[in-house]
Every structure is written in structure tokens, then in C-alpha cells.
Protein backbone atom coordinates (compact mmCIF):
# COMPACT_ATOMS: atom_id res chain seq x y z
CA MET A 1 -66.63 23.58 31.72
CA LYS A 2 -68.12 21.52 34.54
CA ILE A 3 -67.70 22.63 38.16
CA SER A 4 -67.11 20.12 40.96
CA ALA A 5 -67.62 21.65 44.41
CA SER A 6 -65.17 20.46 47.08
CA VAL A 7 -67.53 20.40 50.06
CA PHE A 8 -64.94 19.41 52.66
CA SER A 9 -63.24 22.78 52.07
CA ASN A 10 -65.78 24.36 54.40
CA PRO A 11 -66.11 22.19 57.53
CA ASP A 12 -68.02 24.98 59.27
CA ARG A 13 -71.11 24.49 57.14
CA PRO A 14 -73.52 21.59 57.76
CA LEU A 15 -72.86 19.14 54.93
CA GLU A 16 -76.47 18.60 53.87
CA GLY A 17 -77.32 22.29 53.74
CA LEU A 18 -74.17 23.13 51.79
CA VAL A 19 -74.85 20.42 49.22
CA GLN A 20 -78.43 21.57 48.72
CA GLU A 21 -77.30 25.18 48.22
CA LEU A 22 -74.70 24.06 45.67
CA GLU A 23 -77.31 22.00 43.84
CA ALA A 24 -79.63 25.01 43.68
CA CYS A 25 -76.82 27.06 42.09
CA GLY A 26 -76.32 24.52 39.32
CA VAL A 27 -73.05 22.87 40.37
CA ASP A 28 -72.31 19.77 38.26
CA TYR A 29 -70.56 17.47 40.78
CA ILE A 30 -69.89 17.14 44.49
CA HIS A 31 -66.16 16.58 45.03
CA ILE A 32 -65.10 14.44 48.00
CA ASP A 33 -61.48 14.07 49.09
CA CYS A 34 -60.76 10.76 50.81
CA ASN A 35 -57.45 10.96 52.67
CA ASP A 36 -57.51 7.24 53.37
CA ASP A 37 -60.47 7.71 55.69
CA PRO A 38 -63.18 5.01 55.70
CA ALA A 39 -65.60 7.49 57.26
CA VAL A 40 -65.94 9.12 53.84
CA GLY A 41 -68.55 6.50 52.97
CA GLU A 42 -70.82 7.84 55.69
CA ALA A 43 -70.50 11.37 54.29
CA ILE A 44 -71.37 10.19 50.78
CA GLY A 45 -74.40 8.40 52.19
CA ARG A 46 -75.59 11.64 53.79
CA ILE A 47 -75.16 13.48 50.51
CA ARG A 48 -77.12 10.80 48.65
CA GLN A 49 -80.04 11.33 51.03
CA VAL A 50 -80.45 15.01 50.12
CA SER A 51 -79.18 15.41 46.55
CA PRO A 52 -78.99 13.49 43.24
CA LEU A 53 -75.81 15.34 42.20
CA PRO A 54 -73.06 13.05 40.86
CA ILE A 55 -70.28 12.23 43.31
CA ASP A 56 -66.68 12.95 42.30
CA LEU A 57 -64.48 10.95 44.69
CA HIS A 58 -60.73 11.51 44.98
CA ILE A 59 -59.02 8.65 46.82
CA ILE A 60 -55.62 9.51 48.28
CA ALA A 61 -54.48 6.12 49.55
CA ALA A 62 -51.92 3.39 48.85
CA GLU A 63 -54.64 0.71 48.76
CA PRO A 64 -57.73 2.22 47.12
CA GLU A 65 -59.23 -1.25 46.65
CA LYS A 66 -60.59 -1.22 50.20
CA TYR A 67 -63.03 1.49 49.09
CA TYR A 68 -64.37 -0.35 46.06
CA ALA A 69 -67.34 -1.94 47.87
CA MET A 70 -68.38 1.48 49.17
CA ILE A 71 -68.02 3.00 45.69
CA ALA A 72 -70.34 0.39 44.23
CA ALA A 73 -72.83 0.60 47.10
CA HIS A 74 -73.17 4.39 46.85
CA ARG A 75 -73.06 4.46 43.03
CA VAL A 76 -70.17 6.94 42.95
CA ASP A 77 -69.95 8.51 39.50
CA MET A 78 -66.24 9.41 39.16
CA VAL A 79 -63.29 7.98 41.07
CA THR A 80 -59.78 9.41 40.91
CA LEU A 81 -56.72 7.60 42.27
CA GLN A 82 -53.70 9.56 43.45
CA TYR A 83 -50.68 8.38 41.47
CA GLU A 84 -48.00 9.24 44.02
CA ASP A 85 -49.72 7.27 46.79
CA LEU A 86 -49.85 4.15 44.59
CA ARG A 87 -46.00 4.02 44.62
CA GLY A 88 -45.62 2.68 41.10
CA ARG A 89 -48.42 0.14 41.35
CA VAL A 90 -51.23 -0.02 38.78
CA PRO A 91 -54.22 -1.31 40.77
CA GLU A 92 -57.17 -3.09 39.29
CA MET A 93 -59.91 -0.67 38.24
CA PRO A 94 -62.95 -2.89 37.79
CA ASP A 95 -66.35 -1.94 36.43
CA LEU A 96 -68.03 -0.41 39.46
CA GLY A 97 -70.37 1.81 37.47
CA CYS A 98 -67.98 4.77 37.69
CA SER A 99 -65.50 6.43 35.37
CA TRP A 100 -61.87 6.24 36.50
CA GLY A 101 -59.23 8.96 36.59
CA LEU A 102 -55.64 9.41 37.68
CA SER A 103 -54.48 12.40 39.71
CA LEU A 104 -50.98 13.87 39.37
CA VAL A 105 -49.29 16.57 41.45
CA THR A 106 -47.44 19.38 39.68
CA THR A 107 -44.00 17.79 40.12
CA THR A 108 -45.02 14.43 38.61
CA GLU A 109 -44.42 13.92 34.89
CA ALA A 110 -47.68 13.65 32.98
CA ALA A 111 -46.18 10.73 31.03
CA CYS A 112 -46.97 8.59 34.10
CA PHE A 113 -50.56 8.59 32.85
CA ASP A 114 -49.55 6.34 29.93
CA ASP A 115 -49.62 3.19 32.08
CA PHE A 116 -53.20 4.00 33.12
CA ALA A 117 -54.52 5.34 29.83
CA GLU A 118 -56.25 2.10 28.80
CA ARG A 119 -58.48 2.16 31.89
CA CYS A 120 -58.74 5.84 32.83
CA ASP A 121 -61.12 8.28 31.17
CA PHE A 122 -59.50 11.42 32.55
CA VAL A 123 -56.54 12.97 34.30
CA LEU A 124 -56.82 15.24 37.35
CA PHE A 125 -54.03 17.78 37.60
CA MET A 126 -53.43 18.81 41.20
CA THR A 127 -52.08 22.34 41.44
CA THR A 128 -51.90 22.46 45.23
CA THR A 129 -51.28 19.79 47.89
CA PRO A 130 -53.75 16.90 47.34
CA GLY A 131 -56.59 16.89 49.84
CA GLN A 132 -55.81 20.33 51.27
CA SER A 133 -57.97 23.37 50.65
CA GLY A 134 -56.51 26.70 49.55
CA GLY A 135 -53.29 27.58 47.80
CA LYS A 136 -52.32 29.45 44.66
CA PHE A 137 -52.56 27.97 41.18
CA ALA A 138 -49.11 27.46 39.62
CA PRO A 139 -49.10 28.82 36.02
CA ALA A 140 -46.70 26.02 34.99
CA ASN A 141 -49.76 23.79 34.93
CA PHE A 142 -51.13 25.62 31.89
CA ARG A 143 -48.31 24.09 29.84
CA ARG A 144 -48.94 20.65 31.35
CA ILE A 145 -52.57 20.87 30.31
CA ARG A 146 -51.66 21.80 26.71
CA GLN A 147 -49.08 19.04 26.48
CA PHE A 148 -51.44 16.42 27.91
CA ARG A 149 -54.19 17.38 25.47
CA TYR A 150 -51.75 16.95 22.60
CA ALA A 151 -50.59 13.54 23.89
CA HIS A 152 -54.07 12.25 24.85
CA PRO A 153 -56.70 14.10 22.79
CA ASP A 154 -59.35 11.50 23.68
CA LYS A 155 -59.02 11.93 27.47
CA ARG A 156 -60.79 14.49 29.63
CA ILE A 157 -58.79 16.96 31.71
CA HIS A 158 -59.82 17.87 35.25
CA VAL A 159 -58.06 20.45 37.46
CA ASP A 160 -58.05 20.82 41.24
CA GLY A 161 -56.29 23.54 43.21
CA GLY A 162 -56.38 27.32 43.33
CA VAL A 163 -59.25 27.60 40.86
CA ASN A 164 -60.83 31.04 41.09
CA ALA A 165 -62.66 33.21 38.54
CA GLU A 166 -59.42 34.37 36.91
CA ILE A 167 -57.95 30.88 36.57
CA SER A 168 -61.29 29.46 35.46
CA PHE A 169 -61.33 31.63 32.34
CA VAL A 170 -57.98 30.26 31.19
CA LEU A 171 -58.97 26.68 31.99
CA ARG A 172 -62.07 27.08 29.85
CA ASN A 173 -59.91 28.47 27.07
CA LEU A 174 -57.66 25.40 27.31
CA GLY A 175 -60.64 23.06 26.95
CA VAL A 176 -60.57 21.70 30.51
CA PHE A 177 -63.61 19.49 31.11
CA CYS A 178 -64.00 19.95 34.86
CA ALA A 179 -62.56 22.25 37.53
CA VAL A 180 -62.72 21.44 41.22
CA SER A 181 -63.38 24.54 43.31
CA GLY A 182 -62.91 24.55 47.06
CA SER A 183 -62.46 27.67 49.15
CA PHE A 184 -63.33 30.10 46.34
CA LEU A 185 -66.76 28.53 45.96
CA VAL A 186 -67.86 26.89 49.19
CA LYS A 187 -66.46 29.55 51.53
CA ALA A 188 -67.85 32.46 49.52
CA ASN A 189 -70.29 34.86 51.16
CA SER A 190 -72.47 34.33 48.09
CA ILE A 191 -72.06 30.85 46.64
CA ASP A 192 -74.28 31.58 43.64
CA ARG A 193 -72.22 34.66 42.71
CA ALA A 194 -68.94 32.75 43.09
CA PHE A 195 -70.33 29.95 40.92
CA LEU A 196 -71.31 32.43 38.20
CA ASN A 197 -67.82 33.96 38.30
CA LEU A 198 -66.33 30.53 37.65
CA LEU A 199 -68.37 30.26 34.44
CA VAL A 200 -68.35 33.79 33.05
CA GLN A 201 -65.49 36.25 32.69
CA LYS A 202 -66.33 39.21 34.93
CA GLY A 203 -64.34 42.15 36.23
CA THR A 204 -60.60 42.65 35.86
CA ASN A 205 -58.29 39.74 35.12
CA HIS A 206 -54.62 40.30 35.94
CA LEU A 207 -53.19 37.15 34.35
CA ARG A 208 -50.77 37.94 31.54
CA VAL A 209 -50.99 36.39 28.09
CA ARG A 210 -47.51 34.92 28.58
CA ASP A 211 -48.82 32.91 31.57
CA PHE A 212 -51.06 30.66 29.49
CA MET A 213 -50.28 31.14 25.78
CA ALA A 214 -49.12 28.20 23.70
CA GLU A 215 -45.39 28.74 23.27
CA ARG A 216 -43.74 28.92 19.87
CA ASN A 217 -42.31 25.38 20.03
CA GLU A 218 -45.87 24.07 20.45
CA LEU A 219 -47.20 25.85 17.36
CA PRO A 220 -47.36 25.23 13.58
CA VAL A 221 -44.60 27.52 12.30
CA LEU A 222 -42.88 27.59 8.90
CA PRO A 223 -40.30 29.96 7.36
CA GLN A 224 -41.85 32.32 4.85
CA ASP A 225 -38.99 31.87 2.39
CA GLY A 226 -39.59 28.98 -0.01
CA LEU A 227 -43.12 28.36 1.25
CA GLU A 228 -44.87 25.55 -0.64
CA LEU A 229 -48.46 24.35 -0.51
CA GLY A 230 -47.63 20.75 0.43
CA PRO A 231 -45.66 21.51 3.60
CA LEU A 232 -48.19 24.19 4.54
CA LEU A 233 -51.11 21.77 4.34
CA ARG A 234 -49.23 19.02 6.17
CA THR A 235 -48.23 21.37 9.00
CA ILE A 236 -51.80 22.56 9.52
CA GLU A 237 -53.02 18.95 9.50
CA GLN A 238 -50.33 17.81 11.96
CA TYR A 239 -51.09 20.48 14.55
CA LYS A 240 -54.86 20.53 13.97
CA THR A 241 -55.09 24.22 14.77
CA GLY A 242 -56.61 25.42 11.50
CA TYR A 243 -53.72 27.75 10.72
CA CYS A 244 -49.96 28.03 10.25
CA LEU A 245 -47.74 30.91 11.33
CA LEU A 246 -44.94 32.17 9.09
CA VAL A 247 -41.72 33.80 10.27
CA ASP A 248 -38.80 35.53 8.58
CA ASP A 249 -35.18 34.48 9.04
CA THR A 250 -34.93 36.50 12.27
CA GLY A 251 -37.98 34.87 13.88
CA ARG A 252 -40.32 37.80 13.39
CA LEU A 253 -43.95 37.14 12.51
CA ALA A 254 -44.29 37.42 8.73
CA GLY A 255 -47.85 36.22 8.23
CA LEU A 256 -50.54 33.66 8.93
CA SER A 257 -52.22 31.17 6.61
CA SER A 258 -55.52 29.69 7.76
CA ASN A 259 -57.83 27.06 6.37
CA ALA A 260 -60.01 29.90 5.10
CA ASP A 261 -57.05 31.61 3.37
CA ILE A 262 -56.13 28.37 1.60
CA ARG A 263 -59.73 27.64 0.62
CA ARG A 264 -60.15 31.08 -0.94
CA GLY A 265 -56.86 30.67 -2.82
CA LEU A 266 -57.94 27.31 -4.24
CA ILE A 267 -61.35 28.69 -5.28
CA ARG A 268 -59.64 31.43 -7.26
CA HIS A 269 -57.81 28.77 -9.29
CA VAL A 270 -60.28 25.89 -9.11
CA GLY A 271 -60.01 25.33 -12.87
CA ASN A 272 -56.23 25.61 -13.03
CA LEU A 273 -54.73 24.42 -9.75
CA ASP A 274 -51.27 24.29 -11.28
CA GLN A 275 -51.30 28.11 -11.17
CA VAL A 276 -52.05 28.33 -7.45
CA ASP A 277 -49.88 30.97 -5.74
CA VAL A 278 -49.28 29.88 -2.16
CA GLN A 279 -48.01 33.34 -1.23
CA ALA A 280 -51.47 34.71 -2.05
CA MET A 281 -52.86 32.43 0.67
CA VAL A 282 -51.02 34.32 3.41
CA ASN A 283 -52.40 37.11 5.57
CA ARG A 284 -49.40 39.40 5.87
CA GLN A 285 -50.87 41.59 8.61
CA PRO A 286 -52.56 39.26 11.10
CA LYS A 287 -53.90 40.68 14.34
CA HIS A 288 -51.56 39.94 17.25
CA ILE A 289 -51.01 40.80 20.91
CA HIS A 290 -48.10 41.43 23.27
CA PRO A 291 -47.20 38.73 25.85
CA GLU A 292 -47.46 41.23 28.74
CA ALA A 293 -51.06 42.15 27.95
CA THR A 294 -53.56 41.13 30.60
CA VAL A 295 -56.49 38.87 29.88
CA THR A 296 -58.80 41.86 30.31
CA GLU A 297 -56.81 43.83 27.72
CA MET A 298 -56.83 40.85 25.36
CA LEU A 299 -60.61 40.45 25.60
CA ARG A 300 -61.13 44.15 25.02
CA PHE A 301 -58.87 43.90 21.95
CA ILE A 302 -60.61 40.96 20.32
CA LYS A 303 -64.07 42.38 21.04
CA SER A 304 -63.10 45.36 18.89
CA PHE A 305 -62.89 43.14 15.79
CA PRO A 306 -65.90 42.89 13.44
CA PHE A 307 -65.22 39.14 13.05
CA LEU A 308 -64.85 36.04 15.21
CA VAL A 309 -61.31 35.43 16.51
CA LEU A 310 -60.26 31.79 16.91
CA TYR A 311 -56.52 32.35 17.37
CA LEU A 312 -54.26 35.26 18.15
CA PRO A 313 -50.47 35.27 17.60
CA VAL A 314 -48.39 36.64 20.46
CA VAL A 315 -45.55 38.94 19.40
CA ASP A 316 -43.01 40.78 21.54
CA GLY A 317 -41.86 44.37 21.16
CA ASP A 318 -39.51 43.77 18.23
CA GLY A 319 -42.01 41.66 16.28
CA THR A 320 -40.64 38.25 17.29
CA LEU A 321 -43.22 35.46 17.42
CA VAL A 322 -43.28 34.01 20.93
CA GLY A 323 -46.60 32.14 21.06
CA ALA A 324 -50.31 32.16 20.32
CA VAL A 325 -53.64 32.02 22.11
CA ASN A 326 -56.14 29.56 20.65
CA PHE A 327 -59.81 30.16 21.44
CA ASN A 328 -61.37 27.12 19.79
CA ASN A 329 -60.90 25.10 23.00
CA LEU A 330 -63.47 27.31 24.70
CA ILE A 331 -66.05 25.23 22.82
CA LEU A 332 -64.48 21.96 23.96
CA GLY A 333 -64.60 23.14 27.55
CA GLU A 334 -68.39 23.47 27.35
CA LEU A 335 -69.05 19.97 25.96
């Protein structure tokens, strides 16, 4: 996952020195919030004089067009427009040498992106007040990220607001492309240590699995009774998760069938596929975890396995399937 450092979150540090320290740490982008302030061009010019880092500009204004000449002149790399400030208008987004994105606050439906999808390369989910530093990440945004990825698999997802080491781990797991970090990074006593914590899971994580798991209605689930190969294959293909979860008539987890389970079953009957037993392609005792487990407990659990874990069903105390954690997006988050 890329890290974009919000340099205006620490007005007490000289801009040039802060940018150079962030560059030395390995930060990917410099994030600039423009609250309809033309003076932002001067700040970008100062940054350009001391660092080649790409500029990530977030324009919070009703008429972003007045900044287009500055964007072209300073070769800004990414430009995000704030949807709510546009008041229903879809402005022209010409070729200025930048990639375009649309920013949405937590209370705005992500479907609003549809009108901008043809021109925008990414969405920026704001999890605190746009343009203001600090604030706590709202876990409801985890669901928004999952739903947006399903609706727009070809678009990048950026997140801004309340991103600390704990939240960063989950964002990486959800395949987020870029996280904007403000106070946690640029106000840290040790910027290089804070940057490392955004990239690597360290220490104790108190987030619960229920806070970020994919919920049951988002998952490939079939009843175990009457299971047939055709519906099983179609369900796995539709959800593109590489597996399907099976439940009994009370909703309890009854098994899991993965691509590997199906492949092994077909190999056993490669010369007589009409004798394939779909029930033999089901793992009846899949590993699972409780929704109240912390991230730290979950990581300790999966590290105890002698094999790679790509997905983990989430089951409550009476065995009812309530969700799953998918780890394959960790790879997407690093691309």
C-alpha cells in the first residue's frame, strides 16, 4: 500500500525540511489539501524545489477549474475533487498530465462515483472532515471499501482520515492502493518509525474481526443439502474469491470448498468425470475464527498453521457463519 503524507497536518514544521525527511523515509506521495486557497500553488512550488516526490492534490472547492493552470504548471501527479463541494456538477477533467480521483465523505453514497467513473482512476474515501487533520476512523468505511471494490474492480481505492498503524493493517488487507496519513505520521516524534508502523503490523492491535470482516451477505454461500457441482462452480466464479462456504439449514458453517478442493476431486476422476462426488470436494472442518477476536489474536492463530491462509471463515459461539476474512487483497494492496 502506498503512503501519502499530509504535510499541512503539521504547520509547526518548516515545509521544506518536513518534505525532505518524509522523502528520506520512503514516503510515496506528498498530500496537499487545498481548501479553495490559491496560495496552495506557492506551497507546491516550494516542494518541487526540494523534492521529486509525486504531488497528491485534494481540491475542496466548488470551482476546481480555477486551479487547472497551476496543476499543469507544477506537473501535479494526482488530483482529487471533493464531490460534495461540486453540488451535483460534473466538471471537465481535461488531460493535465495527472490522474483524476473523486473524494466522498462517509455519509455520501459511493454510487455517486458512477457519474465520474469514465474519467476518474480512483476514489478517495474521507473518514474524517475533509481538509481537517485528526479524528478517528469510522469502521463503517471498511464495508464501503469492500462494496466499492466489488462495484468498480478496475478503480484504485484511496483512504484519508484517522489512518494509524492499526487501521493501516486492515486497509492493506482490503487491497487499498493508497492511504493518506496526517497527524499519525507528520506529527510523530519519529517519522521513520511511524512510517514503518503504517507498512508493517507491529505490537498489539485491538480492532476486532467483526469490525472489518466481509459479512455473510457479501460472501459465496450455498446450502450443503443438495449441493451440485454446477452451482458450486458458478458461485465461486461469480464472487471471485476462490472458495465457497456451505451452511446447514440453521445457518451454521458446514464446510468450505475451494478451487484446490475441486481440482483435487476432478483429478481423482479425470477419466470418469460422470462419477465425480461433489461432497468429496468439501472440507468439513475448515479453520475459522470468532468475530470478537482481535487482529493480534487472529494473526497469532493463522501463524500457527503449517500452510498459507488466504481466507478465514468467521463463526460465532453457536457455529453460525457470520462472515469471513480474505487475505488475498494484501497482495493487491502492495501493487
